[in-house]
Amino acid sequence: MGALDAEDCSPITTSGREKIKKYLRRRTVSPPSPTNVEVDQMKKCAELAIYQAGILNDQVTQLQGNVQRQKKKARSS
């Protein structure tokens, strides 16, 4: 029994392989679909919102600390 080559086992014909290669080349060069563009934009907006929420959370924490210090200072005066 001889060894089988991958070419022998493949159900795809040579013309089928060429069609697949052409399709893959066309897909890698073609612009993204409008849906993909929208999803990418929504992802960027969500990342920006999360980043801004983190900054705002830090500012609130800082302001709360300032208020507590002022209250302590007012009580001690």
PDB file of N, CA and C in Angstrom:
ATOM      1  N   MET A   1       0.851  -1.181   0.000  1.00  0.00           N
ATOM      2  CA  MET A   1       0.000   0.000   0.000  1.00  0.00           C
ATOM      3  C   MET A   1       0.890   1.236   0.000  1.00  0.00           C
ATOM      4  N   GLY A   2       0.740   2.148  -0.959  1.00  0.00           N
ATOM      5  CA  GLY A   2       1.571   3.334  -1.080  1.00  0.00           C
ATOM      6  C   GLY A   2       1.032   4.476  -0.238  1.00  0.00           C
ATOM      7  N   ALA A   3       1.883   5.440   0.017  1.00  0.00           N
ATOM      8  CA  ALA A   3       1.484   6.614   0.795  1.00  0.00           C
ATOM      9  C   ALA A   3       0.614   7.519  -0.063  1.00  0.00           C
ATOM     10  N   LEU A   4      -0.414   8.086   0.553  1.00  0.00           N
ATOM     11  CA  LEU A   4      -1.308   8.988  -0.164  1.00  0.00           C
ATOM     12  C   LEU A   4      -0.844  10.421   0.014  1.00  0.00           C
ATOM     13  N   ASP A   5      -0.843  11.135  -1.066  1.00  0.00           N
ATOM     14  CA  ASP A   5      -0.495  12.550  -1.041  1.00  0.00           C
ATOM     15  C   ASP A   5      -1.751  13.351  -0.712  1.00  0.00           C
ATOM     16  N   ALA A   6      -1.588  14.516  -0.108  1.00  0.00           N
ATOM     17  CA  ALA A   6      -2.733  15.365   0.229  1.00  0.00           C
ATOM     18  C   ALA A   6      -3.515  15.736  -1.023  1.00  0.00           C
ATOM     19  N   GLU A   7      -2.832  15.884  -2.129  1.00  0.00           N
ATOM     20  CA  GLU A   7      -3.491  16.219  -3.396  1.00  0.00           C
ATOM     21  C   GLU A   7      -4.446  15.100  -3.806  1.00  0.00           C
ATOM     22  N   ASP A   8      -4.075  13.851  -3.539  1.00  0.00           N
ATOM     23  CA  ASP A   8      -4.896  12.709  -3.929  1.00  0.00           C
ATOM     24  C   ASP A   8      -6.163  12.613  -3.090  1.00  0.00           C
ATOM     25  N   CYS A   9      -6.121  13.041  -1.836  1.00  0.00           N
ATOM     26  CA  CYS A   9      -7.243  12.907  -0.920  1.00  0.00           C
ATOM     27  C   CYS A   9      -8.213  14.071  -1.006  1.00  0.00           C
ATOM     28  N   SER A  10      -7.780  15.177  -1.550  1.00  0.00           N
ATOM     29  CA  SER A  10      -8.587  16.385  -1.560  1.00  0.00           C
ATOM     30  C   SER A  10      -9.746  16.259  -2.536  1.00  0.00           C
ATOM     31  N   PRO A  11     -10.987  16.550  -2.092  1.00  0.00           N
ATOM     32  CA  PRO A  11     -12.130  16.485  -2.998  1.00  0.00           C
ATOM     33  C   PRO A  11     -12.235  17.719  -3.890  1.00  0.00           C
ATOM     34  N   ILE A  12     -11.408  18.740  -3.644  1.00  0.00           N
ATOM     35  CA  ILE A  12     -11.466  19.982  -4.422  1.00  0.00           C
ATOM     36  C   ILE A  12     -10.624  19.815  -5.682  1.00  0.00           C
ATOM     37  N   THR A  13     -11.208  20.174  -6.793  1.00  0.00           N
ATOM     38  CA  THR A  13     -10.481  20.080  -8.060  1.00  0.00           C
ATOM     39  C   THR A  13      -9.530  21.249  -8.192  1.00  0.00           C
ATOM     40  N   THR A  14      -8.656  21.163  -9.178  1.00  0.00           N
ATOM     41  CA  THR A  14      -7.701  22.244  -9.410  1.00  0.00           C
ATOM     42  C   THR A  14      -8.427  23.540  -9.730  1.00  0.00           C
ATOM     43  N   SER A  15      -9.470  23.477 -10.528  1.00  0.00           N
ATOM     44  CA  SER A  15     -10.215  24.704 -10.840  1.00  0.00           C
ATOM     45  C   SER A  15     -10.905  25.244  -9.584  1.00  0.00           C
ATOM     46  N   GLY A  16     -11.351  24.358  -8.706  1.00  0.00           N
ATOM     47  CA  GLY A  16     -11.951  24.788  -7.442  1.00  0.00           C
ATOM     48  C   GLY A  16     -10.940  25.493  -6.560  1.00  0.00           C
ATOM     49  N   ARG A  17      -9.719  24.969  -6.535  1.00  0.00           N
ATOM     50  CA  ARG A  17      -8.653  25.614  -5.753  1.00  0.00           C
ATOM     51  C   ARG A  17      -8.358  27.009  -6.286  1.00  0.00           C
ATOM     52  N   GLU A  18      -8.332  27.128  -7.608  1.00  0.00           N
ATOM     53  CA  GLU A  18      -8.061  28.436  -8.219  1.00  0.00           C
ATOM     54  C   GLU A  18      -9.174  29.427  -7.880  1.00  0.00           C
ATOM     55  N   LYS A  19     -10.409  28.970  -7.887  1.00  0.00           N
ATOM     56  CA  LYS A  19     -11.523  29.848  -7.537  1.00  0.00           C
ATOM     57  C   LYS A  19     -11.404  30.312  -6.082  1.00  0.00           C
ATOM     58  N   ILE A  20     -11.030  29.393  -5.205  1.00  0.00           N
ATOM     59  CA  ILE A  20     -10.866  29.738  -3.795  1.00  0.00           C
ATOM     60  C   ILE A  20      -9.735  30.738  -3.626  1.00  0.00           C
ATOM     61  N   LYS A  21      -8.620  30.513  -4.318  1.00  0.00           N
ATOM     62  CA  LYS A  21      -7.486  31.438  -4.235  1.00  0.00           C
ATOM     63  C   LYS A  21      -7.885  32.826  -4.724  1.00  0.00           C
ATOM     64  N   LYS A  22      -8.613  32.900  -5.840  1.00  0.00           N
ATOM     65  CA  LYS A  22      -9.065  34.191  -6.367  1.00  0.00           C
ATOM     66  C   LYS A  22     -10.000  34.878  -5.377  1.00  0.00           C
ATOM     67  N   TYR A  23     -10.907  34.106  -4.789  1.00  0.00           N
ATOM     68  CA  TYR A  23     -11.841  34.674  -3.807  1.00  0.00           C
ATOM     69  C   TYR A  23     -11.090  35.242  -2.613  1.00  0.00           C
ATOM     70  N   LEU A  24     -10.126  34.489  -2.093  1.00  0.00           N
ATOM     71  CA  LEU A  24      -9.366  34.954  -0.932  1.00  0.00           C
ATOM     72  C   LEU A  24      -8.561  36.203  -1.267  1.00  0.00           C
ATOM     73  N   ARG A  25      -7.963  36.247  -2.455  1.00  0.00           N
ATOM     74  CA  ARG A  25      -7.218  37.460  -2.853  1.00  0.00           C
ATOM     75  C   ARG A  25      -8.156  38.651  -2.957  1.00  0.00           C
ATOM     76  N   ARG A  26      -9.324  38.444  -3.534  1.00  0.00           N
ATOM     77  CA  ARG A  26     -10.285  39.539  -3.683  1.00  0.00           C
ATOM     78  C   ARG A  26     -10.777  40.012  -2.313  1.00  0.00           C
ATOM     79  N   ARG A  27     -11.016  39.100  -1.380  1.00  0.00           N
ATOM     80  CA  ARG A  27     -11.499  39.465  -0.050  1.00  0.00           C
ATOM     81  C   ARG A  27     -10.443  40.217   0.752  1.00  0.00           C
ATOM     82  N   THR A  28      -9.170  39.900   0.548  1.00  0.00           N
ATOM     83  CA  THR A  28      -8.138  40.587   1.315  1.00  0.00           C
ATOM     84  C   THR A  28      -7.889  41.985   0.781  1.00  0.00           C
ATOM     85  N   VAL A  29      -8.259  42.243  -0.467  1.00  0.00           N
ATOM     86  CA  VAL A  29      -8.028  43.556  -1.079  1.00  0.00           C
ATOM     87  C   VAL A  29      -9.268  44.435  -0.997  1.00  0.00           C
ATOM     88  N   SER A  30     -10.448  43.839  -0.961  1.00  0.00           N
ATOM     89  CA  SER A  30     -11.677  44.620  -1.006  1.00  0.00           C
ATOM     90  C   SER A  30     -11.874  45.391   0.301  1.00  0.00           C
ATOM     91  N   PRO A  31     -12.567  46.524   0.228  1.00  0.00           N
ATOM     92  CA  PRO A  31     -12.807  47.321   1.438  1.00  0.00           C
ATOM     93  C   PRO A  31     -13.749  46.581   2.381  1.00  0.00           C
ATOM     94  N   PRO A  32     -13.713  46.932   3.662  1.00  0.00           N
ATOM     95  CA  PRO A  32     -14.607  46.267   4.612  1.00  0.00           C
ATOM     96  C   PRO A  32     -16.068  46.605   4.320  1.00  0.00           C
ATOM     97  N   SER A  33     -16.934  45.711   4.694  1.00  0.00           N
ATOM     98  CA  SER A  33     -18.366  45.928   4.455  1.00  0.00           C
ATOM     99  C   SER A  33     -18.869  47.053   5.359  1.00  0.00           C
ATOM    100  N   PRO A  34     -19.967  47.689   4.981  1.00  0.00           N
ATOM    101  CA  PRO A  34     -20.536  48.752   5.833  1.00  0.00           C
ATOM    102  C   PRO A  34     -20.860  48.253   7.237  1.00  0.00           C
ATOM    103  N   THR A  35     -21.290  47.007   7.341  1.00  0.00           N
ATOM    104  CA  THR A  35     -21.589  46.443   8.661  1.00  0.00           C
ATOM    105  C   THR A  35     -20.328  46.374   9.501  1.00  0.00           C
ATOM    106  N   ASN A  36     -19.229  45.897   8.915  1.00  0.00           N
ATOM    107  CA  ASN A  36     -17.967  45.811   9.657  1.00  0.00           C
ATOM    108  C   ASN A  36     -17.471  47.187  10.067  1.00  0.00           C
ATOM    109  N   VAL A  37     -17.647  48.170   9.207  1.00  0.00           N
ATOM    110  CA  VAL A  37     -17.237  49.535   9.528  1.00  0.00           C
ATOM    111  C   VAL A  37     -18.033  50.047  10.725  1.00  0.00           C
ATOM    112  N   GLU A  38     -19.344  49.813  10.726  1.00  0.00           N
ATOM    113  CA  GLU A  38     -20.194  50.256  11.828  1.00  0.00           C
ATOM    114  C   GLU A  38     -19.837  49.551  13.136  1.00  0.00           C
ATOM    115  N   VAL A  39     -19.581  48.252  13.061  1.00  0.00           N
ATOM    116  CA  VAL A  39     -19.214  47.500  14.262  1.00  0.00           C
ATOM    117  C   VAL A  39     -17.893  48.017  14.822  1.00  0.00           C
ATOM    118  N   ASP A  40     -16.918  48.269  13.945  1.00  0.00           N
ATOM    119  CA  ASP A  40     -15.633  48.808  14.396  1.00  0.00           C
ATOM    120  C   ASP A  40     -15.812  50.174  15.046  1.00  0.00           C
ATOM    121  N   GLN A  41     -16.672  51.015  14.452  1.00  0.00           N
ATOM    122  CA  GLN A  41     -16.909  52.339  15.015  1.00  0.00           C
ATOM    123  C   GLN A  41     -17.598  52.234  16.372  1.00  0.00           C
ATOM    124  N   MET A  42     -18.552  51.315  16.504  1.00  0.00           N
ATOM    125  CA  MET A  42     -19.227  51.127  17.786  1.00  0.00           C
ATOM    126  C   MET A  42     -18.247  50.631  18.841  1.00  0.00           C
ATOM    127  N   LYS A  43     -17.331  49.773  18.435  1.00  0.00           N
ATOM    128  CA  LYS A  43     -16.318  49.261  19.364  1.00  0.00           C
ATOM    129  C   LYS A  43     -15.440  50.401  19.861  1.00  0.00           C
ATOM    130  N   LYS A  44     -15.008  51.270  18.937  1.00  0.00           N
ATOM    131  CA  LYS A  44     -14.178  52.421  19.326  1.00  0.00           C
ATOM    132  C   LYS A  44     -14.937  53.350  20.268  1.00  0.00           C
ATOM    133  N   CYS A  45     -16.210  53.582  19.984  1.00  0.00           N
ATOM    134  CA  CYS A  45     -17.018  54.450  20.846  1.00  0.00           C
ATOM    135  C   CYS A  45     -17.167  53.839  22.238  1.00  0.00           C
ATOM    136  N   ALA A  46     -17.373  52.536  22.297  1.00  0.00           N
ATOM    137  CA  ALA A  46     -17.502  51.871  23.596  1.00  0.00           C
ATOM    138  C   ALA A  46     -16.201  51.961  24.383  1.00  0.00           C
ATOM    139  N   GLU A  47     -15.067  51.760  23.705  1.00  0.00           N
ATOM    140  CA  GLU A  47     -13.772  51.870  24.385  1.00  0.00           C
ATOM    141  C   GLU A  47     -13.560  53.286  24.916  1.00  0.00           C
ATOM    142  N   LEU A  48     -13.934  54.284  24.117  1.00  0.00           N
ATOM    143  CA  LEU A  48     -13.801  55.671  24.539  1.00  0.00           C
ATOM    144  C   LEU A  48     -14.700  55.961  25.741  1.00  0.00           C
ATOM    145  N   ALA A  49     -15.917  55.448  25.718  1.00  0.00           N
ATOM    146  CA  ALA A  49     -16.847  55.664  26.835  1.00  0.00           C
ATOM    147  C   ALA A  49     -16.305  55.026  28.118  1.00  0.00           C
ATOM    148  N   ILE A  50     -15.741  53.838  27.999  1.00  0.00           N
ATOM    149  CA  ILE A  50     -15.165  53.167  29.170  1.00  0.00           C
ATOM    150  C   ILE A  50     -13.984  53.968  29.711  1.00  0.00           C
ATOM    151  N   TYR A  51     -13.150  54.472  28.817  1.00  0.00           N
ATOM    152  CA  TYR A  51     -11.997  55.272  29.215  1.00  0.00           C
ATOM    153  C   TYR A  51     -12.460  56.548  29.938  1.00  0.00           C
ATOM    154  N   GLN A  52     -13.456  57.223  29.351  1.00  0.00           N
ATOM    155  CA  GLN A  52     -13.961  58.452  29.969  1.00  0.00           C
ATOM    156  C   GLN A  52     -14.627  58.165  31.307  1.00  0.00           C
ATOM    157  N   ALA A  53     -15.319  57.037  31.415  1.00  0.00           N
ATOM    158  CA  ALA A  53     -15.946  56.671  32.689  1.00  0.00           C
ATOM    159  C   ALA A  53     -14.879  56.453  33.760  1.00  0.00           C
ATOM    160  N   GLY A  54     -13.769  55.874  33.388  1.00  0.00           N
ATOM    161  CA  GLY A  54     -12.671  55.685  34.339  1.00  0.00           C
ATOM    162  C   GLY A  54     -12.109  57.008  34.817  1.00  0.00           C
ATOM    163  N   ILE A  55     -11.926  57.946  33.887  1.00  0.00           N
ATOM    164  CA  ILE A  55     -11.423  59.276  34.255  1.00  0.00           C
ATOM    165  C   ILE A  55     -12.412  59.970  35.188  1.00  0.00           C
ATOM    166  N   LEU A  56     -13.696  59.916  34.846  1.00  0.00           N
ATOM    167  CA  LEU A  56     -14.714  60.562  35.685  1.00  0.00           C
ATOM    168  C   LEU A  56     -14.769  59.921  37.064  1.00  0.00           C
ATOM    169  N   ASN A  57     -14.619  58.616  37.128  1.00  0.00           N
ATOM    170  CA  ASN A  57     -14.618  57.927  38.421  1.00  0.00           C
ATOM    171  C   ASN A  57     -13.440  58.405  39.275  1.00  0.00           C
ATOM    172  N   ASP A  58     -12.281  58.568  38.673  1.00  0.00           N
ATOM    173  CA  ASP A  58     -11.115  59.077  39.405  1.00  0.00           C
ATOM    174  C   ASP A  58     -11.356  60.494  39.908  1.00  0.00           C
ATOM    175  N   GLN A  59     -11.980  61.326  39.069  1.00  0.00           N
ATOM    176  CA  GLN A  59     -12.256  62.701  39.473  1.00  0.00           C
ATOM    177  C   GLN A  59     -13.261  62.751  40.628  1.00  0.00           C
ATOM    178  N   VAL A  60     -14.282  61.915  40.576  1.00  0.00           N
ATOM    179  CA  VAL A  60     -15.270  61.869  41.663  1.00  0.00           C
ATOM    180  C   VAL A  60     -14.586  61.449  42.953  1.00  0.00           C
ATOM    181  N   THR A  61     -13.745  60.435  42.889  1.00  0.00           N
ATOM    182  CA  THR A  61     -13.030  59.973  44.080  1.00  0.00           C
ATOM    183  C   THR A  61     -12.161  61.093  44.653  1.00  0.00           C
ATOM    184  N   GLN A  62     -11.480  61.818  43.785  1.00  0.00           N
ATOM    185  CA  GLN A  62     -10.632  62.928  44.223  1.00  0.00           C
ATOM    186  C   GLN A  62     -11.471  64.026  44.864  1.00  0.00           C
ATOM    187  N   LEU A  63     -12.599  64.362  44.250  1.00  0.00           N
ATOM    188  CA  LEU A  63     -13.466  65.401  44.814  1.00  0.00           C
ATOM    189  C   LEU A  63     -14.054  64.976  46.148  1.00  0.00           C
ATOM    190  N   GLN A  64     -14.421  63.714  46.274  1.00  0.00           N
ATOM    191  CA  GLN A  64     -14.942  63.223  47.545  1.00  0.00           C
ATOM    192  C   GLN A  64     -13.885  63.324  48.640  1.00  0.00           C
ATOM    193  N   GLY A  65     -12.644  63.045  48.295  1.00  0.00           N
ATOM    194  CA  GLY A  65     -11.549  63.189  49.257  1.00  0.00           C
ATOM    195  C   GLY A  65     -11.378  64.637  49.680  1.00  0.00           C
ATOM    196  N   ASN A  66     -11.483  65.553  48.708  1.00  0.00           N
ATOM    197  CA  ASN A  66     -11.367  66.976  49.020  1.00  0.00           C
ATOM    198  C   ASN A  66     -12.489  67.432  49.949  1.00  0.00           C
ATOM    199  N   VAL A  67     -13.703  66.960  49.702  1.00  0.00           N
ATOM    200  CA  VAL A  67     -14.841  67.332  50.539  1.00  0.00           C
ATOM    201  C   VAL A  67     -14.630  66.816  51.960  1.00  0.00           C
ATOM    202  N   GLN A  68     -14.166  65.589  52.092  1.00  0.00           N
ATOM    203  CA  GLN A  68     -13.920  65.025  53.425  1.00  0.00           C
ATOM    204  C   GLN A  68     -12.860  65.827  54.177  1.00  0.00           C
ATOM    205  N   ARG A  69     -11.800  66.222  53.487  1.00  0.00           N
ATOM    206  CA  ARG A  69     -10.748  67.026  54.126  1.00  0.00           C
ATOM    207  C   ARG A  69     -11.294  68.382  54.572  1.00  0.00           C
ATOM    208  N   GLN A  70     -12.120  68.993  53.720  1.00  0.00           N
ATOM    209  CA  GLN A  70     -12.702  70.287  54.084  1.00  0.00           C
ATOM    210  C   GLN A  70     -13.643  70.155  55.280  1.00  0.00           C
ATOM    211  N   LYS A  71     -14.400  69.065  55.342  1.00  0.00           N
ATOM    212  CA  LYS A  71     -15.303  68.850  56.487  1.00  0.00           C
ATOM    213  C   LYS A  71     -14.495  68.671  57.750  1.00  0.00           C
ATOM    214  N   LYS A  72     -13.411  67.916  57.706  1.00  0.00           N
ATOM    215  CA  LYS A  72     -12.563  67.724  58.887  1.00  0.00           C
ATOM    216  C   LYS A  72     -11.949  69.038  59.324  1.00  0.00           C
ATOM    217  N   LYS A  73     -11.495  69.823  58.332  1.00  0.00           N
ATOM    218  CA  LYS A  73     -10.892  71.103  58.635  1.00  0.00           C
ATOM    219  C   LYS A  73     -11.921  72.046  59.267  1.00  0.00           C
ATOM    220  N   ALA A  74     -13.155  72.035  58.779  1.00  0.00           N
ATOM    221  CA  ALA A  74     -14.212  72.893  59.325  1.00  0.00           C
ATOM    222  C   ALA A  74     -14.581  72.471  60.733  1.00  0.00           C
ATOM    223  N   ARG A  75     -14.588  71.186  61.028  1.00  0.00           N
ATOM    224  CA  ARG A  75     -14.900  70.701  62.381  1.00  0.00           C
ATOM    225  C   ARG A  75     -13.821  71.064  63.380  1.00  0.00           C
ATOM    226  N   SER A  76     -12.570  71.036  62.920  1.00  0.00           N
ATOM    227  CA  SER A  76     -11.457  71.312  63.842  1.00  0.00           C
ATOM    228  C   SER A  76     -11.278  72.807  64.094  1.00  0.00           C
ATOM    229  N   SER A  77     -11.862  73.650  63.280  1.00  0.00           N
ATOM    230  CA  SER A  77     -11.701  75.096  63.444  1.00  0.00           C
ATOM    231  C   SER A  77     -12.589  75.646  64.513  1.00  0.00           C
TER     232      SER A  77
END
